[in-house]
Amino acid sequence: MERVWVPHYGNLRDLVMDEAHKSRYSVHPGSDKMYHDLKVLYWWPHMKADIATYVGKCLTCAKVKIEYQKPSGLLTQPEIPMWKWEQISMDFITKLPRTPSGCDTIWVIVDRLTKSAHFLAIKENDKMEKLARIYVKEVVSRHGVPISIISDRDARFTSNFWKSLQKSLGTRLDMSTAYHPQTDGQSERTIQTLEDMLRACVVDFGNSWETHLPLVEFSYNNSYHTSIKAAPFEALYGRKCRSPICWAEVGDSQLTGPELVHETTEKIVQIRNRMAAARDRQKSYADKRRKPLEFQVGDKVLLKVSPWKGVIRFGKRGKLNPRYIGPFEILKRIGPVAYQLNLPAELDGVHNVFHVSNLKKCLSDETLIVPLDEIQVDEQLQFVEEPVEIMDREVKQLKQSKIPIVKVRWNSKRGPEFTWEREDQMMRKYPHLFKQTTSNVDNNE
């Protein structure tokens, strides 16, 4: 088949590429597929490069297509602490089964040097004043005032009360960037270990998790930790704690005061050296699976968003929303792998500093930008579409229970959309819909 030569006349080449990329019969193919489809029919100089540039600037492709490249941003690690309990990290395990005393949350606090930890049973709705008293009793009174605390952006940690307390104590708050929990990887890993230990205790010994928590903390602190090549208890106090499996008699220490100070100092030096070696290994492994990426102030980037996570749905919905929103301008570089973005008023509730792995360079023309009001996202960067009315009711029969469900009409941008939802969850989240339904029934009567 003879090919047509497309001259560089007006926007003729752009028209050909538009038809091959954006029409209903092509639907945004990648640059390689698009080139192989077009080269059978057309030709012009540097055609393959032009097509690659065109596809790279397509805003729709940038927003909706998954990336098969390595995650962006090389691994950056916080400094190794100089002494015990000077720098700590903390997080919460929430939504646990409620215990007889009413606790449903565990406050996990970990020393970044010795890896020793406290696991504190609390209630999710405890006031910050109570949490502050627990913090002073369990951390400050035992270990002194920390220099810094690493945490995520939980509402309790970002509250004015918590910030004021730490400021008065002279403790620096180092919070993670938005939607990047890996910043506090130590707490996340400790939480995984803690959850596994609690599951094992509940399976083997029964009772509520709160009953086992003190001995789980003892077991965790008395177990070997790979990065420091010792048990946290040993790193903290200079020797391993006696446990029921330790049958040998533990004699009195023969060390004098100066010798004890020297040995303790030596242990800290060893631990810091071991941590440095472990960090180097971790960075080497991690960077092999990542790619370096840097932006400049003034660059335009797209921001990654999560799938919409509302009530549990029996219907299918939300899968086809874009993966990125924007573009947004970079205002400032915060550290080696974080950037501050100029977010619009619609995203006022979102913290505007993001890790580079949540960003993507935007090459699109300004004229192609789609306004943010075409979609709606919440403070967690998740898509939101509001329900309009309750259309019908049914009872879903399961094996051992019955679940009332309702048919809901949504204000989707794609037109009317109907899904079946759990009635109790919809009633908690959108009570006004059920008032409308009741009034409609009364009017009909």
Protein backbone atom coordinates (compact mmCIF):
# COMPACT_ATOMS: atom_id res chain seq x y z
CA MET A 1 0.00 0.00 0.00
CA GLU A 2 1.32 3.44 -0.93
CA ARG A 3 1.79 5.87 1.93
CA VAL A 4 0.71 9.51 1.93
CA TRP A 5 3.38 12.12 2.60
CA VAL A 6 2.04 14.69 5.07
CA PRO A 7 3.63 18.13 4.51
CA HIS A 8 4.46 20.52 7.33
CA TYR A 9 1.56 22.76 6.37
CA GLY A 10 -0.55 24.47 9.02
CA ASN A 11 -1.66 21.93 11.62
CA LEU A 12 -2.14 19.10 9.12
CA ARG A 13 0.13 16.67 10.98
CA ASP A 14 -1.59 17.49 14.27
CA LEU A 15 -4.96 16.71 12.68
CA VAL A 16 -3.71 13.30 11.59
CA MET A 17 -2.33 12.57 15.06
CA ASP A 18 -5.51 13.86 16.73
CA GLU A 19 -7.63 11.46 14.70
CA ALA A 20 -5.27 8.55 15.40
CA HIS A 21 -5.12 9.26 19.13
CA LYS A 22 -8.30 10.92 20.40
CA SER A 23 -11.13 9.66 18.23
CA ARG A 24 -13.66 7.06 19.38
CA TYR A 25 -11.98 4.57 17.04
CA SER A 26 -8.52 4.84 18.58
CA VAL A 27 -8.97 5.86 22.27
CA HIS A 28 -5.52 7.06 23.32
CA PRO A 29 -3.04 4.38 22.20
CA GLY A 30 0.58 4.55 23.35
CA SER A 31 3.20 6.15 21.11
CA ASP A 32 4.55 2.83 19.78
CA LYS A 33 1.12 1.48 18.86
CA MET A 34 0.09 4.79 17.34
CA TYR A 35 3.27 4.98 15.25
CA HIS A 36 2.86 1.44 13.90
CA ASP A 37 -0.77 2.16 12.98
CA LEU A 38 0.07 5.44 11.22
CA LYS A 39 3.26 4.44 9.41
CA VAL A 40 1.28 2.06 7.19
CA LEU A 41 -0.74 5.00 5.82
CA TYR A 42 1.35 8.16 6.31
CA TRP A 43 4.94 9.43 6.40
CA TRP A 44 6.78 12.61 7.26
CA PRO A 45 10.31 13.34 8.56
CA HIS A 46 10.85 12.56 12.28
CA MET A 47 7.38 11.03 12.39
CA LYS A 48 8.15 8.64 15.28
CA ALA A 49 9.65 11.42 17.44
CA ASP A 50 6.71 13.73 16.71
CA ILE A 51 4.23 11.03 17.74
CA ALA A 52 6.15 10.32 20.97
CA THR A 53 6.14 14.05 21.81
CA TYR A 54 2.43 14.33 20.99
CA VAL A 55 1.47 11.37 23.23
CA GLY A 56 3.75 12.65 26.00
CA LYS A 57 1.81 15.95 26.01
CA CYS A 58 -1.63 14.32 26.08
CA LEU A 59 -3.19 15.38 29.38
CA THR A 60 -5.77 12.59 29.32
CA CYS A 61 -3.07 9.93 28.97
CA ALA A 62 -1.06 11.53 31.77
CA LYS A 63 -4.07 11.51 34.09
CA VAL A 64 -5.49 8.05 33.46
CA LYS A 65 -2.71 5.68 32.40
CA ILE A 66 -0.84 3.55 34.89
CA GLU A 67 2.94 3.91 35.01
CA TYR A 68 5.07 0.81 34.52
CA GLN A 69 8.29 2.59 35.44
CA LYS A 70 10.19 2.41 38.71
CA PRO A 71 8.78 4.58 41.54
CA SER A 72 10.26 8.07 41.65
CA GLY A 73 12.62 9.31 44.32
CA LEU A 74 15.72 7.65 45.77
CA LEU A 75 15.56 6.50 49.38
CA THR A 76 16.32 9.21 51.94
CA GLN A 77 16.72 8.24 55.59
CA PRO A 78 16.60 10.25 58.82
CA GLU A 79 19.84 10.69 60.73
CA ILE A 80 20.95 8.04 63.23
CA PRO A 81 20.22 9.27 66.80
CA MET A 82 23.16 9.93 69.12
CA TRP A 83 21.56 8.55 72.30
CA LYS A 84 18.67 6.45 73.60
CA TRP A 85 15.15 7.87 73.36
CA GLU A 86 16.37 11.17 71.93
CA GLN A 87 14.51 10.61 68.67
CA ILE A 88 11.32 8.56 68.62
CA SER A 89 8.54 7.65 66.21
CA MET A 90 4.87 6.99 66.95
CA ASP A 91 1.66 5.84 65.31
CA PHE A 92 -1.75 4.39 66.15
CA ILE A 93 -3.33 1.00 65.45
CA THR A 94 -7.05 1.78 65.24
CA LYS A 95 -10.34 -0.08 64.74
CA LEU A 96 -9.35 -3.00 66.97
CA PRO A 97 -12.07 -5.09 68.69
CA ARG A 98 -13.33 -3.14 71.69
CA THR A 99 -12.10 -4.60 74.99
CA PRO A 100 -14.16 -4.81 78.22
CA SER A 101 -12.45 -1.60 79.42
CA GLY A 102 -13.49 0.18 76.20
CA CYS A 103 -10.07 0.32 74.51
CA ASP A 104 -9.99 -0.03 70.71
CA THR A 105 -6.63 1.55 69.79
CA ILE A 106 -2.94 0.93 70.50
CA TRP A 107 -0.50 3.84 70.67
CA VAL A 108 2.85 2.56 69.39
CA ILE A 109 5.93 4.57 70.48
CA VAL A 110 9.39 3.41 69.32
CA ASP A 111 12.91 4.64 70.11
CA ARG A 112 14.75 5.05 66.81
CA LEU A 113 18.16 4.06 68.26
CA THR A 114 17.55 1.04 70.52
CA LYS A 115 14.27 0.01 68.80
CA SER A 116 12.68 -0.41 72.26
CA ALA A 117 8.95 0.28 72.22
CA HIS A 118 5.90 0.97 74.36
CA PHE A 119 2.47 -0.34 73.35
CA LEU A 120 -0.26 1.66 75.09
CA ALA A 121 -3.94 0.68 75.05
CA ILE A 122 -6.20 3.72 74.58
CA LYS A 123 -9.61 4.67 73.20
CA GLU A 124 -9.81 6.16 69.71
CA ASN A 125 -11.93 9.05 71.00
CA ASP A 126 -9.66 9.88 73.96
CA LYS A 127 -9.10 13.62 74.32
CA MET A 128 -5.65 15.04 73.61
CA GLU A 129 -5.35 16.12 77.26
CA LYS A 130 -5.55 12.46 78.32
CA LEU A 131 -3.06 11.37 75.64
CA ALA A 132 -0.67 14.09 76.81
CA ARG A 133 -0.82 12.75 80.39
CA ILE A 134 -0.14 9.21 79.12
CA TYR A 135 2.79 10.49 77.04
CA VAL A 136 4.37 12.27 80.01
CA LYS A 137 3.87 9.24 82.27
CA GLU A 138 5.08 6.54 79.86
CA VAL A 139 7.78 8.37 77.88
CA VAL A 140 8.97 11.59 79.50
CA SER A 141 9.08 10.23 83.08
CA ARG A 142 10.99 7.10 82.00
CA HIS A 143 13.28 8.32 79.24
CA GLY A 144 13.35 12.11 79.35
CA VAL A 145 12.15 14.64 76.79
CA PRO A 146 12.85 13.57 73.16
CA ILE A 147 14.61 15.89 70.74
CA SER A 148 12.28 14.95 67.86
CA ILE A 149 9.20 12.87 67.08
CA ILE A 150 8.51 11.32 63.66
CA SER A 151 4.82 10.67 62.95
CA ASP A 152 2.23 10.71 60.21
CA ARG A 153 -0.28 13.54 59.81
CA ASP A 154 -2.93 12.04 62.09
CA ALA A 155 -5.37 14.70 63.31
CA ARG A 156 -4.16 14.13 66.88
CA PHE A 157 -0.55 14.88 65.94
CA THR A 158 -1.48 17.96 63.90
CA SER A 159 -3.72 19.42 66.63
CA ASN A 160 -2.76 22.75 68.17
CA PHE A 161 -2.73 21.18 71.64
CA TRP A 162 -0.13 18.54 70.69
CA LYS A 163 2.00 21.08 68.83
CA SER A 164 1.89 23.49 71.79
CA LEU A 165 2.81 20.71 74.23
CA GLN A 166 5.84 19.62 72.22
CA LYS A 167 6.92 23.21 71.64
CA SER A 168 6.85 23.87 75.39
CA LEU A 169 8.91 20.69 75.97
CA GLY A 170 11.39 21.66 73.26
CA THR A 171 10.61 18.67 71.03
CA ARG A 172 10.67 19.04 67.23
CA LEU A 173 7.79 17.44 65.29
CA ASP A 174 8.85 15.78 62.03
CA MET A 175 5.67 14.79 60.22
CA SER A 176 5.42 12.75 57.05
CA THR A 177 4.55 14.34 53.72
CA ALA A 178 0.94 13.95 52.59
CA TYR A 179 -0.09 10.40 51.63
CA HIS A 180 3.40 8.94 52.07
CA PRO A 181 3.34 6.69 55.18
CA GLN A 182 6.77 5.27 54.26
CA THR A 183 8.26 8.35 55.97
CA ASP A 184 7.61 6.61 59.31
CA GLY A 185 8.61 3.17 58.10
CA GLN A 186 9.89 2.13 61.56
CA SER A 187 6.48 2.53 63.23
CA GLU A 188 4.73 0.86 60.29
CA ARG A 189 7.04 -2.18 60.53
CA THR A 190 6.70 -2.37 64.33
CA ILE A 191 2.91 -2.24 63.96
CA GLN A 192 3.00 -5.20 61.56
CA THR A 193 5.05 -7.21 64.07
CA LEU A 194 2.77 -6.20 66.95
CA GLU A 195 -0.39 -7.18 65.06
CA ASP A 196 1.08 -10.59 64.22
CA MET A 197 2.04 -11.18 67.87
CA LEU A 198 -1.42 -10.16 69.12
CA ARG A 199 -3.13 -12.44 66.60
CA ALA A 200 -0.98 -15.35 67.77
CA CYS A 201 -1.79 -14.63 71.43
CA VAL A 202 -5.53 -14.41 70.81
CA VAL A 203 -5.48 -17.66 68.79
CA ASP A 204 -3.35 -19.58 71.33
CA PHE A 205 -4.57 -18.16 74.62
CA GLY A 206 -7.95 -16.51 73.93
CA ASN A 207 -9.27 -13.45 75.82
CA SER A 208 -9.09 -9.87 74.56
CA TRP A 209 -5.95 -8.36 73.02
CA GLU A 210 -5.57 -5.89 75.90
CA THR A 211 -4.90 -8.77 78.31
CA HIS A 212 -1.87 -9.87 76.28
CA LEU A 213 -0.48 -6.41 75.48
CA PRO A 214 1.99 -6.06 78.42
CA LEU A 215 3.64 -9.43 77.75
CA VAL A 216 3.64 -8.77 74.01
CA GLU A 217 5.59 -5.56 74.73
CA PHE A 218 8.00 -7.56 76.93
CA SER A 219 8.47 -10.20 74.22
CA TYR A 220 9.04 -7.59 71.52
CA ASN A 221 11.64 -5.68 73.54
CA ASN A 222 13.44 -8.88 74.54
CA SER A 223 13.66 -10.31 71.00
CA TYR A 224 16.62 -9.99 68.63
CA HIS A 225 16.41 -7.04 66.21
CA THR A 226 18.26 -7.41 62.92
CA SER A 227 19.36 -3.81 62.34
CA ILE A 228 21.03 -3.41 65.77
CA LYS A 229 22.03 -7.12 66.10
CA ALA A 230 20.71 -7.21 69.67
CA ALA A 231 17.45 -7.16 71.60
CA PRO A 232 16.01 -3.65 72.21
CA PHE A 233 16.04 -4.31 75.97
CA GLU A 234 19.75 -5.17 75.81
CA ALA A 235 20.49 -2.05 73.75
CA LEU A 236 18.59 0.09 76.25
CA TYR A 237 19.81 -1.34 79.58
CA GLY A 238 23.10 -3.04 78.68
CA ARG A 239 22.02 -6.66 79.07
CA LYS A 240 19.18 -8.90 77.96
CA CYS A 241 16.22 -9.13 80.30
CA ARG A 242 15.73 -12.37 82.22
CA SER A 243 12.82 -14.45 80.89
CA PRO A 244 11.29 -17.83 81.90
CA ILE A 245 13.55 -19.67 79.42
CA CYS A 246 16.68 -18.23 81.05
CA TRP A 247 17.49 -21.04 83.54
CA ALA A 248 21.03 -19.94 84.40
CA GLU A 249 21.49 -17.87 87.54
CA VAL A 250 22.04 -14.21 86.88
CA GLY A 251 24.89 -13.08 89.12
CA ASP A 252 25.60 -9.60 90.43
CA SER A 253 27.42 -7.34 88.03
CA GLN A 254 31.14 -7.01 88.76
CA LEU A 255 31.52 -3.80 86.77
CA THR A 256 32.55 -0.64 88.59
CA GLY A 257 30.95 2.73 87.85
CA PRO A 258 33.53 3.95 85.28
CA GLU A 259 33.60 0.52 83.60
CA LEU A 260 29.80 0.49 83.35
CA VAL A 261 29.76 3.95 81.74
CA HIS A 262 32.50 2.89 79.31
CA GLU A 263 30.69 -0.34 78.37
CA THR A 264 27.39 1.49 77.86
CA THR A 265 29.06 4.06 75.62
CA GLU A 266 30.78 1.30 73.65
CA LYS A 267 27.45 -0.47 73.13
CA ILE A 268 25.89 2.72 71.74
CA VAL A 269 28.80 3.14 69.32
CA GLN A 270 28.37 -0.49 68.19
CA ILE A 271 24.62 -0.02 67.72
CA ARG A 272 25.10 3.16 65.69
CA ASN A 273 27.68 1.42 63.47
CA ARG A 274 25.34 -1.53 62.95
CA MET A 275 22.46 0.80 62.11
CA ALA A 276 24.64 2.68 59.61
CA ALA A 277 25.57 -0.60 57.90
CA ALA A 278 21.91 -1.68 57.84
CA ARG A 279 20.85 1.69 56.40
CA ASP A 280 23.47 1.44 53.65
CA ARG A 281 22.19 -2.02 52.70
CA GLN A 282 18.57 -0.84 52.73
CA LYS A 283 19.37 2.19 50.56
CA SER A 284 21.33 0.05 48.11
CA TYR A 285 18.45 -2.42 47.75
CA ALA A 286 15.76 0.29 47.59
CA ASP A 287 17.52 2.52 45.04
CA LYS A 288 17.84 -0.38 42.59
CA ARG A 289 14.02 -0.36 42.36
CA ARG A 290 13.64 3.42 42.13
CA LYS A 291 14.51 6.18 39.70
CA PRO A 292 15.86 9.64 40.59
CA LEU A 293 13.44 12.46 39.78
CA GLU A 294 13.77 16.15 40.52
CA PHE A 295 11.60 19.18 39.76
CA GLN A 296 12.31 22.90 39.72
CA VAL A 297 10.29 25.69 41.31
CA GLY A 298 7.69 26.76 38.75
CA ASP A 299 7.39 23.33 37.10
CA LYS A 300 3.89 21.97 36.50
CA VAL A 301 3.17 18.50 37.91
CA LEU A 302 0.25 16.10 38.16
CA LEU A 303 -0.77 14.77 41.59
CA LYS A 304 -1.61 11.10 42.15
CA VAL A 305 -5.00 10.41 43.76
CA SER A 306 -6.52 7.28 45.29
CA PRO A 307 -9.61 5.41 44.08
CA TRP A 308 -12.81 6.57 45.75
CA LYS A 309 -13.30 4.72 49.03
CA GLY A 310 -16.77 5.43 50.33
CA VAL A 311 -19.32 2.99 51.69
CA ILE A 312 -19.04 -0.68 50.79
CA ARG A 313 -20.66 -1.16 47.41
CA PHE A 314 -22.46 -4.14 45.96
CA GLY A 315 -22.33 -2.51 42.53
CA LYS A 316 -19.17 -1.63 40.56
CA ARG A 317 -18.17 1.99 40.54
CA GLY A 318 -15.25 4.38 40.78
CA LYS A 319 -12.71 2.27 38.86
CA LEU A 320 -12.67 4.60 35.85
CA ASN A 321 -11.77 7.83 37.59
CA PRO A 322 -8.44 9.45 36.58
CA ARG A 323 -5.27 8.44 38.44
CA TYR A 324 -3.89 12.00 38.54
CA ILE A 325 -5.31 15.51 38.92
CA GLY A 326 -3.77 18.85 38.05
CA PRO A 327 -1.49 20.19 36.83
CA PHE A 328 -0.29 22.25 39.80
CA GLU A 329 2.71 24.57 40.10
CA ILE A 330 5.64 23.73 42.38
CA LEU A 331 6.15 26.56 44.89
CA LYS A 332 9.08 25.24 46.91
CA ARG A 333 11.38 22.27 47.35
CA ILE A 334 11.19 20.78 50.86
CA GLY A 335 14.21 18.57 51.43
CA PRO A 336 15.64 16.21 48.80
CA VAL A 337 12.41 14.39 47.79
CA ALA A 338 9.43 16.57 48.81
CA TYR A 339 7.75 19.53 47.14
CA GLN A 340 5.19 22.17 48.09
CA LEU A 341 2.42 22.65 45.51
CA ASN A 342 0.14 25.57 44.74
CA LEU A 343 -3.21 23.84 45.31
CA PRO A 344 -6.53 25.47 44.35
CA ALA A 345 -9.19 26.54 46.83
CA GLU A 346 -11.08 23.27 46.26
CA LEU A 347 -8.21 21.43 48.01
CA ASP A 348 -7.82 23.76 51.00
CA GLY A 349 -8.11 20.84 53.42
CA VAL A 350 -5.21 18.94 51.84
CA HIS A 351 -1.66 19.35 53.17
CA ASN A 352 0.26 20.79 50.22
CA VAL A 353 3.66 19.06 50.66
CA PHE A 354 4.06 15.79 48.74
CA HIS A 355 6.71 13.14 48.25
CA VAL A 356 8.09 12.98 44.71
CA SER A 357 6.59 9.49 44.23
CA ASN A 358 3.12 11.10 44.25
CA LEU A 359 4.03 13.56 41.49
CA LYS A 360 4.46 13.30 37.73
CA LYS A 361 5.89 15.83 35.30
CA CYS A 362 3.18 17.50 33.23
CA LEU A 363 4.20 18.24 29.64
CA SER A 364 0.72 19.21 28.43
CA ASP A 365 -0.18 22.52 26.85
CA GLU A 366 -1.97 25.00 29.14
CA THR A 367 -4.90 25.08 26.73
CA LEU A 368 -5.59 21.38 27.33
CA ILE A 369 -5.95 21.63 31.12
CA VAL A 370 -9.26 20.34 32.47
CA PRO A 371 -10.64 22.37 35.43
CA LEU A 372 -10.66 20.59 38.79
CA ASP A 373 -14.37 21.23 39.25
CA GLU A 374 -15.08 18.49 36.71
CA ILE A 375 -14.26 16.03 39.50
CA GLN A 376 -14.54 16.25 43.28
CA VAL A 377 -11.95 14.96 45.73
CA ASP A 378 -11.97 14.93 49.52
CA GLU A 379 -9.20 15.81 51.99
CA GLN A 380 -7.67 12.35 51.52
CA LEU A 381 -7.35 12.98 47.75
CA GLN A 382 -10.12 10.48 47.05
CA PHE A 383 -12.91 10.96 44.55
CA VAL A 384 -16.32 12.00 45.84
CA GLU A 385 -19.69 11.92 44.11
CA GLU A 386 -22.75 12.90 46.10
CA PRO A 387 -25.94 10.79 46.21
CA VAL A 388 -29.15 12.45 45.03
CA GLU A 389 -31.96 10.23 46.31
CA ILE A 390 -33.00 6.77 47.52
CA MET A 391 -34.84 4.98 44.72
CA ASP A 392 -35.70 1.58 46.22
CA ARG A 393 -35.14 -0.78 49.17
CA GLU A 394 -34.39 -4.49 49.40
CA VAL A 395 -32.98 -7.03 51.85
CA LYS A 396 -29.85 -8.89 50.71
CA GLN A 397 -29.95 -12.49 51.95
CA LEU A 398 -26.56 -13.87 53.01
CA LYS A 399 -25.80 -17.30 54.44
CA GLN A 400 -26.28 -16.37 58.08
CA SER A 401 -27.69 -12.86 58.01
CA LYS A 402 -29.84 -10.36 56.18
CA ILE A 403 -28.56 -6.93 55.14
CA PRO A 404 -30.97 -4.09 54.23
CA ILE A 405 -29.75 -2.33 51.09
CA VAL A 406 -30.99 0.70 49.17
CA LYS A 407 -30.81 1.72 45.52
CA VAL A 408 -29.10 5.13 45.27
CA ARG A 409 -29.01 7.61 42.40
CA TRP A 410 -25.69 9.51 42.15
CA ASN A 411 -24.84 12.83 40.47
CA SER A 412 -22.11 11.29 38.31
CA LYS A 413 -20.54 13.45 35.59
CA ARG A 414 -21.22 10.56 33.24
CA GLY A 415 -24.96 10.98 33.74
CA PRO A 416 -27.42 9.24 36.11
CA GLU A 417 -25.80 6.34 37.93
CA PHE A 418 -27.49 3.83 40.22
CA THR A 419 -25.88 1.50 42.76
CA TRP A 420 -27.02 -0.68 45.65
CA GLU A 421 -25.59 0.33 49.05
CA ARG A 422 -25.84 -0.86 52.65
CA GLU A 423 -28.71 1.04 54.25
CA ASP A 424 -27.03 1.47 57.66
CA GLN A 425 -23.89 2.99 56.15
CA MET A 426 -25.82 5.31 53.85
CA MET A 427 -28.00 6.40 56.77
CA ARG A 428 -24.95 7.30 58.86
CA LYS A 429 -23.27 9.20 56.05
CA TYR A 430 -26.26 10.80 54.30
CA PRO A 431 -29.17 10.98 56.83
CA HIS A 432 -30.85 13.77 54.83
CA LEU A 433 -31.66 11.30 52.02
CA PHE A 434 -33.84 9.24 54.35
CA LYS A 435 -35.70 12.33 55.57
CA GLN A 436 -36.47 13.13 51.93
CA THR A 437 -37.70 9.58 51.38
CA THR A 438 -39.97 9.77 54.45
CA SER A 439 -41.44 13.11 53.36
CA ASN A 440 -42.07 11.76 49.85
CA VAL A 441 -43.97 8.79 51.30
CA ASP A 442 -46.05 11.11 53.51
CA ASN A 443 -46.91 13.33 50.53
CA ASN A 444 -48.00 10.31 48.48
CA GLU A 445 -50.32 9.21 51.27
